Amino acid sequence: MLAAVALAAYVWALRVYGEGAHARTIALLALVAVQLGHTFNCRSRVASVFTGLFDNLHIWAAAATVVALQGFALAFPPMAHLLGLTPIRANDLIVIAICALLPIAIVEMQKVFVRARLDHRGA
């Protein structure tokens, strides 16, 4: 699922920007975004991602660090050059945000079915 979402963002970037550094930048940011979003899913196999969302502030600190490092890699020219990154646009940010949120939505739906099945067995 994570690979499919990241690849979909890359295909979108290829169609919008063509082959090159900009599409690869979107691919990298999308790959990190899906992993970051999925991090919150991994807190429980059954409980909603929204249950106790702020109980572990370390996960939020780690997420903020990842976002800050990505921003640094984009904004600091030597690092951007080393990684082959290009500046991104507002519509790119929307696609990247969707990449972070889509795994949460997909896994959340799966967890609803798991909880329903567990409730049905217990009844």
PDB file of N, CA and C in Angstrom:
ATOM      1  N   MET A   1       0.818  -1.185   0.000  1.00  0.00           N
ATOM      2  CA  MET A   1       0.000   0.000   0.000  1.00  0.00           C
ATOM      3  C   MET A   1       0.870   1.262   0.000  1.00  0.00           C
ATOM      4  N   LEU A   2       1.885   1.272   0.865  1.00  0.00           N
ATOM      5  CA  LEU A   2       2.747   2.454   0.952  1.00  0.00           C
ATOM      6  C   LEU A   2       3.472   2.698  -0.363  1.00  0.00           C
ATOM      7  N   ALA A   3       3.983   1.633  -0.946  1.00  0.00           N
ATOM      8  CA  ALA A   3       4.676   1.769  -2.229  1.00  0.00           C
ATOM      9  C   ALA A   3       3.719   2.251  -3.314  1.00  0.00           C
ATOM     10  N   ALA A   4       2.499   1.736  -3.315  1.00  0.00           N
ATOM     11  CA  ALA A   4       1.520   2.134  -4.328  1.00  0.00           C
ATOM     12  C   ALA A   4       1.193   3.623  -4.218  1.00  0.00           C
ATOM     13  N   VAL A   5       1.032   4.108  -3.002  1.00  0.00           N
ATOM     14  CA  VAL A   5       0.731   5.533  -2.811  1.00  0.00           C
ATOM     15  C   VAL A   5       1.912   6.390  -3.262  1.00  0.00           C
ATOM     16  N   ALA A   6       3.113   6.012  -2.863  1.00  0.00           N
ATOM     17  CA  ALA A   6       4.303   6.780  -3.256  1.00  0.00           C
ATOM     18  C   ALA A   6       4.506   6.740  -4.768  1.00  0.00           C
ATOM     19  N   LEU A   7       4.308   5.583  -5.370  1.00  0.00           N
ATOM     20  CA  LEU A   7       4.448   5.478  -6.822  1.00  0.00           C
ATOM     21  C   LEU A   7       3.378   6.278  -7.550  1.00  0.00           C
ATOM     22  N   ALA A   8       2.174   6.323  -6.999  1.00  0.00           N
ATOM     23  CA  ALA A   8       1.118   7.133  -7.607  1.00  0.00           C
ATOM     24  C   ALA A   8       1.514   8.609  -7.605  1.00  0.00           C
ATOM     25  N   ALA A   9       2.132   9.063  -6.533  1.00  0.00           N
ATOM     26  CA  ALA A   9       2.600  10.453  -6.478  1.00  0.00           C
ATOM     27  C   ALA A   9       3.690  10.685  -7.515  1.00  0.00           C
ATOM     28  N   TYR A  10       4.561   9.717  -7.689  1.00  0.00           N
ATOM     29  CA  TYR A  10       5.623   9.844  -8.687  1.00  0.00           C
ATOM     30  C   TYR A  10       5.047   9.887 -10.102  1.00  0.00           C
ATOM     31  N   VAL A  11       4.074   9.021 -10.367  1.00  0.00           N
ATOM     32  CA  VAL A  11       3.426   9.028 -11.686  1.00  0.00           C
ATOM     33  C   VAL A  11       2.752  10.379 -11.928  1.00  0.00           C
ATOM     34  N   TRP A  12       2.087  10.896 -10.897  1.00  0.00           N
ATOM     35  CA  TRP A  12       1.472  12.223 -11.016  1.00  0.00           C
ATOM     36  C   TRP A  12       2.538  13.266 -11.356  1.00  0.00           C
ATOM     37  N   ALA A  13       3.664  13.219 -10.641  1.00  0.00           N
ATOM     38  CA  ALA A  13       4.733  14.189 -10.877  1.00  0.00           C
ATOM     39  C   ALA A  13       5.328  14.034 -12.277  1.00  0.00           C
ATOM     40  N   LEU A  14       5.454  12.809 -12.747  1.00  0.00           N
ATOM     41  CA  LEU A  14       5.956  12.590 -14.107  1.00  0.00           C
ATOM     42  C   LEU A  14       5.017  13.208 -15.135  1.00  0.00           C
ATOM     43  N   ARG A  15       3.727  13.067 -14.906  1.00  0.00           N
ATOM     44  CA  ARG A  15       2.752  13.634 -15.849  1.00  0.00           C
ATOM     45  C   ARG A  15       2.740  15.159 -15.807  1.00  0.00           C
ATOM     46  N   VAL A  16       2.911  15.717 -14.616  1.00  0.00           N
ATOM     47  CA  VAL A  16       2.848  17.170 -14.473  1.00  0.00           C
ATOM     48  C   VAL A  16       4.179  17.822 -14.869  1.00  0.00           C
ATOM     49  N   TYR A  17       5.294  17.251 -14.424  1.00  0.00           N
ATOM     50  CA  TYR A  17       6.602  17.892 -14.602  1.00  0.00           C
ATOM     51  C   TYR A  17       7.516  17.188 -15.596  1.00  0.00           C
ATOM     52  N   GLY A  18       7.177  15.984 -15.992  1.00  0.00           N
ATOM     53  CA  GLY A  18       8.061  15.213 -16.862  1.00  0.00           C
ATOM     54  C   GLY A  18       9.191  14.577 -16.062  1.00  0.00           C
ATOM     55  N   GLU A  19      10.004  13.814 -16.751  1.00  0.00           N
ATOM     56  CA  GLU A  19      11.138  13.170 -16.088  1.00  0.00           C
ATOM     57  C   GLU A  19      12.125  14.228 -15.621  1.00  0.00           C
ATOM     58  N   GLY A  20      12.750  13.974 -14.502  1.00  0.00           N
ATOM     59  CA  GLY A  20      13.755  14.905 -14.024  1.00  0.00           C
ATOM     60  C   GLY A  20      13.742  15.059 -12.520  1.00  0.00           C
ATOM     61  N   ALA A  21      14.483  16.047 -12.082  1.00  0.00           N
ATOM     62  CA  ALA A  21      14.711  16.263 -10.656  1.00  0.00           C
ATOM     63  C   ALA A  21      13.430  16.586  -9.896  1.00  0.00           C
ATOM     64  N   HIS A  22      12.522  17.333 -10.526  1.00  0.00           N
ATOM     65  CA  HIS A  22      11.315  17.719  -9.800  1.00  0.00           C
ATOM     66  C   HIS A  22      10.450  16.489  -9.501  1.00  0.00           C
ATOM     67  N   ALA A  23      10.287  15.617 -10.470  1.00  0.00           N
ATOM     68  CA  ALA A  23       9.505  14.397 -10.249  1.00  0.00           C
ATOM     69  C   ALA A  23      10.179  13.506  -9.206  1.00  0.00           C
ATOM     70  N   ARG A  24      11.500  13.428  -9.252  1.00  0.00           N
ATOM     71  CA  ARG A  24      12.221  12.626  -8.253  1.00  0.00           C
ATOM     72  C   ARG A  24      12.097  13.241  -6.860  1.00  0.00           C
ATOM     73  N   THR A  25      12.065  14.561  -6.781  1.00  0.00           N
ATOM     74  CA  THR A  25      11.878  15.231  -5.488  1.00  0.00           C
ATOM     75  C   THR A  25      10.516  14.857  -4.908  1.00  0.00           C
ATOM     76  N   ILE A  26       9.485  14.900  -5.738  1.00  0.00           N
ATOM     77  CA  ILE A  26       8.146  14.525  -5.287  1.00  0.00           C
ATOM     78  C   ILE A  26       8.139  13.071  -4.839  1.00  0.00           C
ATOM     79  N   ALA A  27       8.805  12.203  -5.581  1.00  0.00           N
ATOM     80  CA  ALA A  27       8.858  10.785  -5.215  1.00  0.00           C
ATOM     81  C   ALA A  27       9.502  10.592  -3.848  1.00  0.00           C
ATOM     82  N   LEU A  28      10.618  11.269  -3.606  1.00  0.00           N
ATOM     83  CA  LEU A  28      11.293  11.150  -2.313  1.00  0.00           C
ATOM     84  C   LEU A  28      10.408  11.664  -1.179  1.00  0.00           C
ATOM     85  N   LEU A  29       9.837  12.834  -1.361  1.00  0.00           N
ATOM     86  CA  LEU A  29       8.995  13.412  -0.316  1.00  0.00           C
ATOM     87  C   LEU A  29       7.749  12.564  -0.084  1.00  0.00           C
ATOM     88  N   ALA A  30       7.189  12.001  -1.141  1.00  0.00           N
ATOM     89  CA  ALA A  30       6.018  11.132  -0.999  1.00  0.00           C
ATOM     90  C   ALA A  30       6.377   9.856  -0.251  1.00  0.00           C
ATOM     91  N   LEU A  31       7.527   9.295  -0.556  1.00  0.00           N
ATOM     92  CA  LEU A  31       7.963   8.077   0.130  1.00  0.00           C
ATOM     93  C   LEU A  31       8.129   8.317   1.625  1.00  0.00           C
ATOM     94  N   VAL A  32       8.729   9.425   1.979  1.00  0.00           N
ATOM     95  CA  VAL A  32       8.890   9.760   3.392  1.00  0.00           C
ATOM     96  C   VAL A  32       7.515  10.042   4.023  1.00  0.00           C
ATOM     97  N   ALA A  33       6.641  10.713   3.290  1.00  0.00           N
ATOM     98  CA  ALA A  33       5.321  11.062   3.822  1.00  0.00           C
ATOM     99  C   ALA A  33       4.483   9.821   4.123  1.00  0.00           C
ATOM    100  N   VAL A  34       4.495   8.826   3.226  1.00  0.00           N
ATOM    101  CA  VAL A  34       3.695   7.627   3.496  1.00  0.00           C
ATOM    102  C   VAL A  34       4.232   6.893   4.714  1.00  0.00           C
ATOM    103  N   GLN A  35       5.544   6.861   4.849  1.00  0.00           N
ATOM    104  CA  GLN A  35       6.137   6.210   6.021  1.00  0.00           C
ATOM    105  C   GLN A  35       5.778   6.951   7.304  1.00  0.00           C
ATOM    106  N   LEU A  36       5.823   8.267   7.218  1.00  0.00           N
ATOM    107  CA  LEU A  36       5.502   9.086   8.388  1.00  0.00           C
ATOM    108  C   LEU A  36       4.038   8.912   8.788  1.00  0.00           C
ATOM    109  N   GLY A  37       3.150   8.942   7.822  1.00  0.00           N
ATOM    110  CA  GLY A  37       1.734   8.723   8.123  1.00  0.00           C
ATOM    111  C   GLY A  37       1.488   7.346   8.704  1.00  0.00           C
ATOM    112  N   HIS A  38       2.141   6.341   8.126  1.00  0.00           N
ATOM    113  CA  HIS A  38       1.946   4.970   8.595  1.00  0.00           C
ATOM    114  C   HIS A  38       2.512   4.745   9.992  1.00  0.00           C
ATOM    115  N   THR A  39       3.467   5.550  10.389  1.00  0.00           N
ATOM    116  CA  THR A  39       4.024   5.452  11.737  1.00  0.00           C
ATOM    117  C   THR A  39       2.918   5.529  12.790  1.00  0.00           C
ATOM    118  N   PHE A  40       1.973   6.420  12.563  1.00  0.00           N
ATOM    119  CA  PHE A  40       0.881   6.571  13.520  1.00  0.00           C
ATOM    120  C   PHE A  40      -0.051   5.363  13.500  1.00  0.00           C
ATOM    121  N   ASN A  41      -0.192   4.707  12.348  1.00  0.00           N
ATOM    122  CA  ASN A  41      -1.008   3.488  12.272  1.00  0.00           C
ATOM    123  C   ASN A  41      -0.417   2.372  13.113  1.00  0.00           C
ATOM    124  N   CYS A  42       0.884   2.324  13.181  1.00  0.00           N
ATOM    125  CA  CYS A  42       1.575   1.195  13.798  1.00  0.00           C
ATOM    126  C   CYS A  42       1.505   1.195  15.325  1.00  0.00           C
ATOM    127  N   ARG A  43       0.879   2.181  15.889  1.00  0.00           N
ATOM    128  CA  ARG A  43       0.764   2.225  17.347  1.00  0.00           C
ATOM    129  C   ARG A  43      -0.126   1.096  17.857  1.00  0.00           C
ATOM    130  N   SER A  44      -1.067   0.630  17.041  1.00  0.00           N
ATOM    131  CA  SER A  44      -1.955  -0.461  17.427  1.00  0.00           C
ATOM    132  C   SER A  44      -2.476  -1.154  16.184  1.00  0.00           C
ATOM    133  N   ARG A  45      -2.666  -2.468  16.289  1.00  0.00           N
ATOM    134  CA  ARG A  45      -3.233  -3.220  15.162  1.00  0.00           C
ATOM    135  C   ARG A  45      -4.753  -3.113  15.123  1.00  0.00           C
ATOM    136  N   VAL A  46      -5.364  -2.732  16.235  1.00  0.00           N
ATOM    137  CA  VAL A  46      -6.823  -2.736  16.321  1.00  0.00           C
ATOM    138  C   VAL A  46      -7.384  -1.359  16.654  1.00  0.00           C
ATOM    139  N   ALA A  47      -6.780  -0.674  17.603  1.00  0.00           N
ATOM    140  CA  ALA A  47      -7.312   0.613  18.058  1.00  0.00           C
ATOM    141  C   ALA A  47      -7.155   1.675  16.976  1.00  0.00           C
ATOM    142  N   SER A  48      -8.091   2.584  16.974  1.00  0.00           N
ATOM    143  CA  SER A  48      -8.056   3.689  16.022  1.00  0.00           C
ATOM    144  C   SER A  48      -6.783   4.507  16.201  1.00  0.00           C
ATOM    145  N   VAL A  49      -6.313   5.048  15.109  1.00  0.00           N
ATOM    146  CA  VAL A  49      -5.144   5.927  15.150  1.00  0.00           C
ATOM    147  C   VAL A  49      -5.427   7.147  16.018  1.00  0.00           C
ATOM    148  N   PHE A  50      -6.700   7.498  16.161  1.00  0.00           N
ATOM    149  CA  PHE A  50      -7.079   8.690  16.911  1.00  0.00           C
ATOM    150  C   PHE A  50      -7.239   8.428  18.409  1.00  0.00           C
ATOM    151  N   THR A  51      -7.194   7.163  18.821  1.00  0.00           N
ATOM    152  CA  THR A  51      -7.277   6.821  20.239  1.00  0.00           C
ATOM    153  C   THR A  51      -5.936   7.118  20.897  1.00  0.00           C
ATOM    154  N   GLY A  52      -5.949   7.988  21.888  1.00  0.00           N
ATOM    155  CA  GLY A  52      -4.712   8.335  22.587  1.00  0.00           C
ATOM    156  C   GLY A  52      -3.680   8.965  21.676  1.00  0.00           C
ATOM    157  N   LEU A  53      -4.144   9.754  20.727  1.00  0.00           N
ATOM    158  CA  LEU A  53      -3.270  10.316  19.705  1.00  0.00           C
ATOM    159  C   LEU A  53      -2.110  11.122  20.284  1.00  0.00           C
ATOM    160  N   PHE A  54      -2.335  11.764  21.417  1.00  0.00           N
ATOM    161  CA  PHE A  54      -1.284  12.602  22.004  1.00  0.00           C
ATOM    162  C   PHE A  54      -0.677  11.983  23.257  1.00  0.00           C
ATOM    163  N   ASP A  55      -0.918  10.686  23.472  1.00  0.00           N
ATOM    164  CA  ASP A  55      -0.349  10.015  24.650  1.00  0.00           C
ATOM    165  C   ASP A  55       1.169   9.864  24.560  1.00  0.00           C
ATOM    166  N   ASN A  56       1.683   9.699  23.363  1.00  0.00           N
ATOM    167  CA  ASN A  56       3.117   9.510  23.172  1.00  0.00           C
ATOM    168  C   ASN A  56       3.671  10.722  22.428  1.00  0.00           C
ATOM    169  N   LEU A  57       4.204  11.652  23.176  1.00  0.00           N
ATOM    170  CA  LEU A  57       4.734  12.864  22.553  1.00  0.00           C
ATOM    171  C   LEU A  57       6.045  12.613  21.810  1.00  0.00           C
ATOM    172  N   HIS A  58       6.693  11.479  22.099  1.00  0.00           N
ATOM    173  CA  HIS A  58       7.927  11.151  21.390  1.00  0.00           C
ATOM    174  C   HIS A  58       7.664  10.919  19.897  1.00  0.00           C
ATOM    175  N   ILE A  59       6.540  10.312  19.585  1.00  0.00           N
ATOM    176  CA  ILE A  59       6.221  10.071  18.175  1.00  0.00           C
ATOM    177  C   ILE A  59       6.008  11.395  17.448  1.00  0.00           C
ATOM    178  N   TRP A  60       5.402  12.357  18.148  1.00  0.00           N
ATOM    179  CA  TRP A  60       5.198  13.681  17.550  1.00  0.00           C
ATOM    180  C   TRP A  60       6.531  14.413  17.375  1.00  0.00           C
ATOM    181  N   ALA A  61       7.414  14.252  18.345  1.00  0.00           N
ATOM    182  CA  ALA A  61       8.740  14.867  18.225  1.00  0.00           C
ATOM    183  C   ALA A  61       9.511  14.251  17.063  1.00  0.00           C
ATOM    184  N   ALA A  62       9.401  12.943  16.902  1.00  0.00           N
ATOM    185  CA  ALA A  62      10.075  12.271  15.785  1.00  0.00           C
ATOM    186  C   ALA A  62       9.486  12.744  14.456  1.00  0.00           C
ATOM    187  N   ALA A  63       8.171  12.858  14.387  1.00  0.00           N
ATOM    188  CA  ALA A  63       7.521  13.317  13.152  1.00  0.00           C
ATOM    189  C   ALA A  63       7.947  14.744  12.824  1.00  0.00           C
ATOM    190  N   ALA A  64       7.993  15.604  13.824  1.00  0.00           N
ATOM    191  CA  ALA A  64       8.420  16.992  13.605  1.00  0.00           C
ATOM    192  C   ALA A  64       9.870  17.044  13.147  1.00  0.00           C
ATOM    193  N   THR A  65      10.698  16.178  13.697  1.00  0.00           N
ATOM    194  CA  THR A  65      12.102  16.121  13.289  1.00  0.00           C
ATOM    195  C   THR A  65      12.232  15.696  11.832  1.00  0.00           C
ATOM    196  N   VAL A  66      11.451  14.706  11.425  1.00  0.00           N
ATOM    197  CA  VAL A  66      11.483  14.244  10.033  1.00  0.00           C
ATOM    198  C   VAL A  66      11.062  15.366   9.088  1.00  0.00           C
ATOM    199  N   VAL A  67       9.973  16.055   9.435  1.00  0.00           N
ATOM    200  CA  VAL A  67       9.496  17.156   8.595  1.00  0.00           C
ATOM    201  C   VAL A  67      10.544  18.273   8.543  1.00  0.00           C
ATOM    202  N   ALA A  68      11.150  18.581   9.677  1.00  0.00           N
ATOM    203  CA  ALA A  68      12.176  19.622   9.713  1.00  0.00           C
ATOM    204  C   ALA A  68      13.397  19.232   8.874  1.00  0.00           C
ATOM    205  N   LEU A  69      13.800  17.984   8.951  1.00  0.00           N
ATOM    206  CA  LEU A  69      14.940  17.532   8.147  1.00  0.00           C
ATOM    207  C   LEU A  69      14.630  17.572   6.657  1.00  0.00           C
ATOM    208  N   GLN A  70      13.408  17.226   6.302  1.00  0.00           N
ATOM    209  CA  GLN A  70      13.017  17.328   4.892  1.00  0.00           C
ATOM    210  C   GLN A  70      13.048  18.785   4.440  1.00  0.00           C
ATOM    211  N   GLY A  71      12.507  19.664   5.279  1.00  0.00           N
ATOM    212  CA  GLY A  71      12.531  21.088   4.949  1.00  0.00           C
ATOM    213  C   GLY A  71      13.947  21.605   4.811  1.00  0.00           C
ATOM    214  N   PHE A  72      14.814  21.168   5.705  1.00  0.00           N
ATOM    215  CA  PHE A  72      16.222  21.569   5.650  1.00  0.00           C
ATOM    216  C   PHE A  72      16.868  21.076   4.356  1.00  0.00           C
ATOM    217  N   ALA A  73      16.605  19.820   4.006  1.00  0.00           N
ATOM    218  CA  ALA A  73      17.193  19.259   2.786  1.00  0.00           C
ATOM    219  C   ALA A  73      16.742  20.023   1.553  1.00  0.00           C
ATOM    220  N   LEU A  74      15.515  20.517   1.556  1.00  0.00           N
ATOM    221  CA  LEU A  74      15.007  21.290   0.423  1.00  0.00           C
ATOM    222  C   LEU A  74      15.542  22.714   0.414  1.00  0.00           C
ATOM    223  N   ALA A  75      15.677  23.309   1.596  1.00  0.00           N
ATOM    224  CA  ALA A  75      16.003  24.736   1.693  1.00  0.00           C
ATOM    225  C   ALA A  75      17.494  25.026   1.709  1.00  0.00           C
ATOM    226  N   PHE A  76      18.313  24.069   2.126  1.00  0.00           N
ATOM    227  CA  PHE A  76      19.758  24.278   2.229  1.00  0.00           C
ATOM    228  C   PHE A  76      20.401  23.845   0.911  1.00  0.00           C
ATOM    229  N   PRO A  77      20.824  24.811   0.091  1.00  0.00           N
ATOM    230  CA  PRO A  77      21.287  24.486  -1.268  1.00  0.00           C
ATOM    231  C   PRO A  77      22.334  23.373  -1.377  1.00  0.00           C
ATOM    232  N   PRO A  78      23.362  23.330  -0.512  1.00  0.00           N
ATOM    233  CA  PRO A  78      24.321  22.220  -0.668  1.00  0.00           C
ATOM    234  C   PRO A  78      23.661  20.848  -0.460  1.00  0.00           C
ATOM    235  N   MET A  79      22.743  20.773   0.493  1.00  0.00           N
ATOM    236  CA  MET A  79      22.069  19.499   0.743  1.00  0.00           C
ATOM    237  C   MET A  79      21.113  19.170  -0.406  1.00  0.00           C
ATOM    238  N   ALA A  80      20.385  20.178  -0.872  1.00  0.00           N
ATOM    239  CA  ALA A  80      19.467  19.967  -1.996  1.00  0.00           C
ATOM    240  C   ALA A  80      20.244  19.502  -3.227  1.00  0.00           C
ATOM    241  N   HIS A  81      21.398  20.115  -3.463  1.00  0.00           N
ATOM    242  CA  HIS A  81      22.228  19.725  -4.607  1.00  0.00           C
ATOM    243  C   HIS A  81      22.727  18.289  -4.446  1.00  0.00           C
ATOM    244  N   LEU A  82      23.194  17.958  -3.251  1.00  0.00           N
ATOM    245  CA  LEU A  82      23.694  16.616  -2.978  1.00  0.00           C
ATOM    246  C   LEU A  82      22.614  15.563  -3.216  1.00  0.00           C
ATOM    247  N   LEU A  83      21.382  15.866  -2.797  1.00  0.00           N
ATOM    248  CA  LEU A  83      20.281  14.918  -2.939  1.00  0.00           C
ATOM    249  C   LEU A  83      19.546  15.047  -4.273  1.00  0.00           C
ATOM    250  N   GLY A  84      19.902  16.051  -5.059  1.00  0.00           N
ATOM    251  CA  GLY A  84      19.246  16.258  -6.351  1.00  0.00           C
ATOM    252  C   GLY A  84      17.816  16.743  -6.220  1.00  0.00           C
ATOM    253  N   LEU A  85      17.554  17.561  -5.191  1.00  0.00           N
ATOM    254  CA  LEU A  85      16.202  18.052  -4.940  1.00  0.00           C
ATOM    255  C   LEU A  85      15.978  19.405  -5.593  1.00  0.00           C
ATOM    256  N   THR A  86      14.743  19.664  -5.939  1.00  0.00           N
ATOM    257  CA  THR A  86      14.356  20.957  -6.500  1.00  0.00           C
ATOM    258  C   THR A  86      13.276  21.571  -5.616  1.00  0.00           C
ATOM    259  N   PRO A  87      13.098  22.876  -5.672  1.00  0.00           N
ATOM    260  CA  PRO A  87      12.027  23.501  -4.884  1.00  0.00           C
ATOM    261  C   PRO A  87      10.663  22.945  -5.295  1.00  0.00           C
ATOM    262  N   ILE A  88       9.773  22.856  -4.327  1.00  0.00           N
ATOM    263  CA  ILE A  88       8.442  22.331  -4.618  1.00  0.00           C
ATOM    264  C   ILE A  88       7.422  23.460  -4.599  1.00  0.00           C
ATOM    265  N   ARG A  89       6.278  23.181  -5.170  1.00  0.00           N
ATOM    266  CA  ARG A  89       5.201  24.162  -5.292  1.00  0.00           C
ATOM    267  C   ARG A  89       4.066  23.801  -4.348  1.00  0.00           C
ATOM    268  N   ALA A  90       3.095  24.713  -4.230  1.00  0.00           N
ATOM    269  CA  ALA A  90       1.963  24.497  -3.320  1.00  0.00           C
ATOM    270  C   ALA A  90       1.179  23.238  -3.682  1.00  0.00           C
ATOM    271  N   ASN A  91       0.944  23.009  -4.973  1.00  0.00           N
ATOM    272  CA  ASN A  91       0.192  21.808  -5.347  1.00  0.00           C
ATOM    273  C   ASN A  91       0.985  20.542  -5.040  1.00  0.00           C
ATOM    274  N   ASP A  92       2.308  20.627  -5.039  1.00  0.00           N
ATOM    275  CA  ASP A  92       3.140  19.493  -4.641  1.00  0.00           C
ATOM    276  C   ASP A  92       2.920  19.173  -3.160  1.00  0.00           C
ATOM    277  N   LEU A  93       2.825  20.213  -2.350  1.00  0.00           N
ATOM    278  CA  LEU A  93       2.584  20.014  -0.914  1.00  0.00           C
ATOM    279  C   LEU A  93       1.256  19.319  -0.674  1.00  0.00           C
ATOM    280  N   ILE A  94       0.268  19.648  -1.474  1.00  0.00           N
ATOM    281  CA  ILE A  94      -1.044  19.000  -1.332  1.00  0.00           C
ATOM    282  C   ILE A  94      -0.923  17.508  -1.634  1.00  0.00           C
ATOM    283  N   VAL A  95      -0.230  17.176  -2.709  1.00  0.00           N
ATOM    284  CA  VAL A  95      -0.033  15.767  -3.071  1.00  0.00           C
ATOM    285  C   VAL A  95       0.741  15.039  -1.979  1.00  0.00           C
ATOM    286  N   ILE A  96       1.770  15.665  -1.442  1.00  0.00           N
ATOM    287  CA  ILE A  96       2.579  15.045  -0.390  1.00  0.00           C
ATOM    288  C   ILE A  96       1.756  14.862   0.886  1.00  0.00           C
ATOM    289  N   ALA A  97       0.928  15.842   1.227  1.00  0.00           N
ATOM    290  CA  ALA A  97       0.051  15.700   2.398  1.00  0.00           C
ATOM    291  C   ALA A  97      -0.934  14.557   2.206  1.00  0.00           C
ATOM    292  N   ILE A  98      -1.474  14.426   0.998  1.00  0.00           N
ATOM    293  CA  ILE A  98      -2.381  13.304   0.708  1.00  0.00           C
ATOM    294  C   ILE A  98      -1.646  11.983   0.892  1.00  0.00           C
ATOM    295  N   CYS A  99      -0.384  11.949   0.483  1.00  0.00           N
ATOM    296  CA  CYS A  99       0.423  10.737   0.660  1.00  0.00           C
ATOM    297  C   CYS A  99       0.588  10.370   2.131  1.00  0.00           C
ATOM    298  N   ALA A 100       0.661  11.359   2.993  1.00  0.00           N
ATOM    299  CA  ALA A 100       0.784  11.091   4.426  1.00  0.00           C
ATOM    300  C   ALA A 100      -0.546  10.639   5.013  1.00  0.00           C
ATOM    301  N   LEU A 101      -1.646  11.207   4.524  1.00  0.00           N
ATOM    302  CA  LEU A 101      -2.959  10.926   5.107  1.00  0.00           C
ATOM    303  C   LEU A 101      -3.625   9.678   4.543  1.00  0.00           C
ATOM    304  N   LEU A 102      -3.344   9.346   3.300  1.00  0.00           N
ATOM    305  CA  LEU A 102      -4.006   8.211   2.672  1.00  0.00           C
ATOM    306  C   LEU A 102      -3.739   6.884   3.386  1.00  0.00           C
ATOM    307  N   PRO A 103      -2.501   6.568   3.776  1.00  0.00           N
ATOM    308  CA  PRO A 103      -2.294   5.324   4.530  1.00  0.00           C
ATOM    309  C   PRO A 103      -3.060   5.304   5.848  1.00  0.00           C
ATOM    310  N   ILE A 104      -3.174   6.450   6.487  1.00  0.00           N
ATOM    311  CA  ILE A 104      -3.944   6.509   7.734  1.00  0.00           C
ATOM    312  C   ILE A 104      -5.398   6.165   7.453  1.00  0.00           C
ATOM    313  N   ALA A 105      -5.965   6.745   6.410  1.00  0.00           N
ATOM    314  CA  ALA A 105      -7.366   6.490   6.070  1.00  0.00           C
ATOM    315  C   ALA A 105      -7.587   5.027   5.691  1.00  0.00           C
ATOM    316  N   ILE A 106      -6.703   4.463   4.897  1.00  0.00           N
ATOM    317  CA  ILE A 106      -6.858   3.072   4.461  1.00  0.00           C
ATOM    318  C   ILE A 106      -6.763   2.115   5.641  1.00  0.00           C
ATOM    319  N   VAL A 107      -5.762   2.289   6.466  1.00  0.00           N
ATOM    320  CA  VAL A 107      -5.583   1.396   7.617  1.00  0.00           C
ATOM    321  C   VAL A 107      -6.700   1.613   8.635  1.00  0.00           C
ATOM    322  N   GLU A 108      -7.159   2.840   8.772  1.00  0.00           N
ATOM    323  CA  GLU A 108      -8.261   3.110   9.704  1.00  0.00           C
ATOM    324  C   GLU A 108      -9.516   2.345   9.275  1.00  0.00           C
ATOM    325  N   MET A 109      -9.789   2.311   7.986  1.00  0.00           N
ATOM    326  CA  MET A 109     -10.941   1.531   7.500  1.00  0.00           C
ATOM    327  C   MET A 109     -10.745   0.051   7.784  1.00  0.00           C
ATOM    328  N   GLN A 110      -9.551  -0.446   7.580  1.00  0.00           N
ATOM    329  CA  GLN A 110      -9.262  -1.849   7.865  1.00  0.00           C
ATOM    330  C   GLN A 110      -9.453  -2.145   9.351  1.00  0.00           C
ATOM    331  N   LYS A 111      -9.041  -1.224  10.217  1.00  0.00           N
ATOM    332  CA  LYS A 111      -9.191  -1.420  11.657  1.00  0.00           C
ATOM    333  C   LYS A 111     -10.661  -1.435  12.071  1.00  0.00           C
ATOM    334  N   VAL A 112     -11.496  -0.670  11.381  1.00  0.00           N
ATOM    335  CA  VAL A 112     -12.934  -0.695  11.664  1.00  0.00           C
ATOM    336  C   VAL A 112     -13.477  -2.098  11.444  1.00  0.00           C
ATOM    337  N   PHE A 113     -13.084  -2.733  10.337  1.00  0.00           N
ATOM    338  CA  PHE A 113     -13.540  -4.092  10.052  1.00  0.00           C
ATOM    339  C   PHE A 113     -12.997  -5.085  11.066  1.00  0.00           C
ATOM    340  N   VAL A 114     -11.753  -4.921  11.471  1.00  0.00           N
ATOM    341  CA  VAL A 114     -11.153  -5.816  12.469  1.00  0.00           C
ATOM    342  C   VAL A 114     -11.894  -5.691  13.794  1.00  0.00           C
ATOM    343  N   ARG A 115     -12.168  -4.454  14.217  1.00  0.00           N
ATOM    344  CA  ARG A 115     -12.895  -4.257  15.478  1.00  0.00           C
ATOM    345  C   ARG A 115     -14.299  -4.834  15.399  1.00  0.00           C
ATOM    346  N   ALA A 116     -14.968  -4.680  14.275  1.00  0.00           N
ATOM    347  CA  ALA A 116     -16.313  -5.221  14.104  1.00  0.00           C
ATOM    348  C   ALA A 116     -16.276  -6.744  14.181  1.00  0.00           C
ATOM    349  N   ARG A 117     -15.290  -7.358  13.570  1.00  0.00           N
ATOM    350  CA  ARG A 117     -15.166  -8.813  13.616  1.00  0.00           C
ATOM    351  C   ARG A 117     -14.882  -9.294  15.034  1.00  0.00           C
ATOM    352  N   LEU A 118     -14.010  -8.564  15.748  1.00  0.00           N
ATOM    353  CA  LEU A 118     -13.711  -8.934  17.136  1.00  0.00           C
ATOM    354  C   LEU A 118     -14.931  -8.757  18.018  1.00  0.00           C
ATOM    355  N   ASP A 119     -15.698  -7.681  17.810  1.00  0.00           N
ATOM    356  CA  ASP A 119     -16.928  -7.467  18.588  1.00  0.00           C
ATOM    357  C   ASP A 119     -17.946  -8.548  18.289  1.00  0.00           C
ATOM    358  N   HIS A 120     -18.035  -8.956  17.051  1.00  0.00           N
ATOM    359  CA  HIS A 120     -18.989 -10.005  16.649  1.00  0.00           C
ATOM    360  C   HIS A 120     -18.640 -11.339  17.295  1.00  0.00           C
ATOM    361  N   ARG A 121     -17.340 -11.649  17.380  1.00  0.00           N
ATOM    362  CA  ARG A 121     -16.911 -12.891  18.013  1.00  0.00           C
ATOM    363  C   ARG A 121     -17.182 -12.881  19.506  1.00  0.00           C
ATOM    364  N   GLY A 122     -17.023 -11.687  20.112  1.00  0.00           N
ATOM    365  CA  GLY A 122     -17.211 -11.580  21.558  1.00  0.00           C
ATOM    366  C   GLY A 122     -18.671 -11.550  21.980  1.00  0.00           C
ATOM    367  N   ALA A 123     -19.575 -11.275  21.040  1.00  0.00           N
ATOM    368  CA  ALA A 123     -20.995 -11.161  21.385  1.00  0.00           C
ATOM    369  C   ALA A 123     -21.678 -12.474  21.483  1.00  0.00           C
TER     370      ALA A 123
END
